[in-house]
Every structure is written in structure tokens, then in C-alpha cells.
Amino acid sequence: MSSNKGVSQLIFVFWPRRRLRILTDEEARLIEHFRTLSEADRVAMRYLTSAFKEVSRF
């Protein structure tokens, strides 16, 4: 990882137990990509990830 971190790499994620952690490089990259999507595509991604959570066995 380069010493030059993007803003999304410094974002902390809240978990149900209120623990904080720094995003991985892959998570930061996905957030940056998500931000470039149109609003309609963002809504579609939210529905898709919600559907994945509902059918996931984990």
C-alpha cells in the first residue's frame, strides 16, 4: 500500500458491536468506484447487495 492514502481508505466502519476498523485497499477501491456511479446505478447496487445479504448462508 502506498503511503499516499485516499480519503476512503481512512474511513472507519461501524460494526454492530461498535468496533472501528480501517478499510482494506479493496474496500476503499470499491467505495471509490461506487461514488463514480450514477444515482440509479447506486440504488441498483444497494438492492443487489441487500439481496445477497438475504440469501447468504453466512
Protein backbone atom coordinates (compact mmCIF):
# COMPACT_ATOMS: atom_id res chain seq x y z
CA MET A 1 0.00 0.00 0.00
CA SER A 2 1.35 3.38 -0.86
CA SER A 3 1.92 5.98 1.82
CA ASN A 4 -0.48 8.28 -0.02
CA LYS A 5 -3.93 7.19 1.19
CA GLY A 6 -7.20 8.27 -0.35
CA VAL A 7 -9.99 9.66 1.78
CA SER A 8 -11.98 6.44 1.55
CA GLN A 9 -9.08 4.45 2.97
CA LEU A 10 -9.26 6.48 6.14
CA ILE A 11 -12.98 5.94 6.65
CA PHE A 12 -13.87 3.90 9.70
CA VAL A 13 -16.59 1.31 9.50
CA PHE A 14 -19.03 0.84 12.37
CA TRP A 15 -19.87 -2.76 13.18
CA PRO A 16 -22.84 -3.82 15.30
CA ARG A 17 -20.57 -4.07 18.35
CA ARG A 18 -19.39 -0.50 17.73
CA ARG A 19 -15.83 -1.61 16.95
CA LEU A 20 -13.94 0.50 14.43
CA ARG A 21 -11.56 -0.61 11.74
CA ILE A 22 -9.78 0.92 8.77
CA LEU A 23 -10.96 -0.18 5.35
CA THR A 24 -8.79 -2.56 3.33
CA ASP A 25 -7.40 -1.41 0.00
CA GLU A 26 -10.02 -3.46 -1.85
CA GLU A 27 -12.89 -1.99 0.22
CA ALA A 28 -11.57 1.53 -0.39
CA ARG A 29 -11.31 0.83 -4.13
CA LEU A 30 -14.91 -0.43 -4.21
CA ILE A 31 -16.15 2.68 -2.41
CA GLU A 32 -14.32 4.94 -4.84
CA HIS A 33 -15.89 3.02 -7.75
CA PHE A 34 -19.34 3.22 -6.10
CA ARG A 35 -19.02 7.00 -5.84
CA THR A 36 -18.48 7.27 -9.61
CA LEU A 37 -21.79 5.52 -10.38
CA SER A 38 -24.96 7.36 -11.32
CA GLU A 39 -27.69 7.63 -8.70
CA ALA A 40 -29.79 4.97 -10.49
CA ASP A 41 -26.81 2.59 -10.50
CA ARG A 42 -26.18 3.28 -6.80
CA VAL A 43 -29.77 2.36 -5.98
CA ALA A 44 -29.47 -0.81 -8.07
CA MET A 45 -26.27 -1.75 -6.21
CA ARG A 46 -27.99 -1.23 -2.86
CA TYR A 47 -30.82 -3.57 -3.90
CA LEU A 48 -28.31 -6.13 -5.18
CA THR A 49 -26.21 -6.15 -2.02
CA SER A 50 -29.36 -6.33 0.09
CA ALA A 51 -30.50 -9.37 -1.90
CA PHE A 52 -27.08 -11.00 -1.40
CA LYS A 53 -27.35 -10.49 2.36
CA GLU A 54 -30.82 -12.05 2.44
CA VAL A 55 -29.80 -15.23 0.60
CA SER A 56 -26.34 -15.59 2.11
CA ARG A 57 -25.71 -18.57 4.37
CA PHE A 58 -23.06 -16.70 6.34
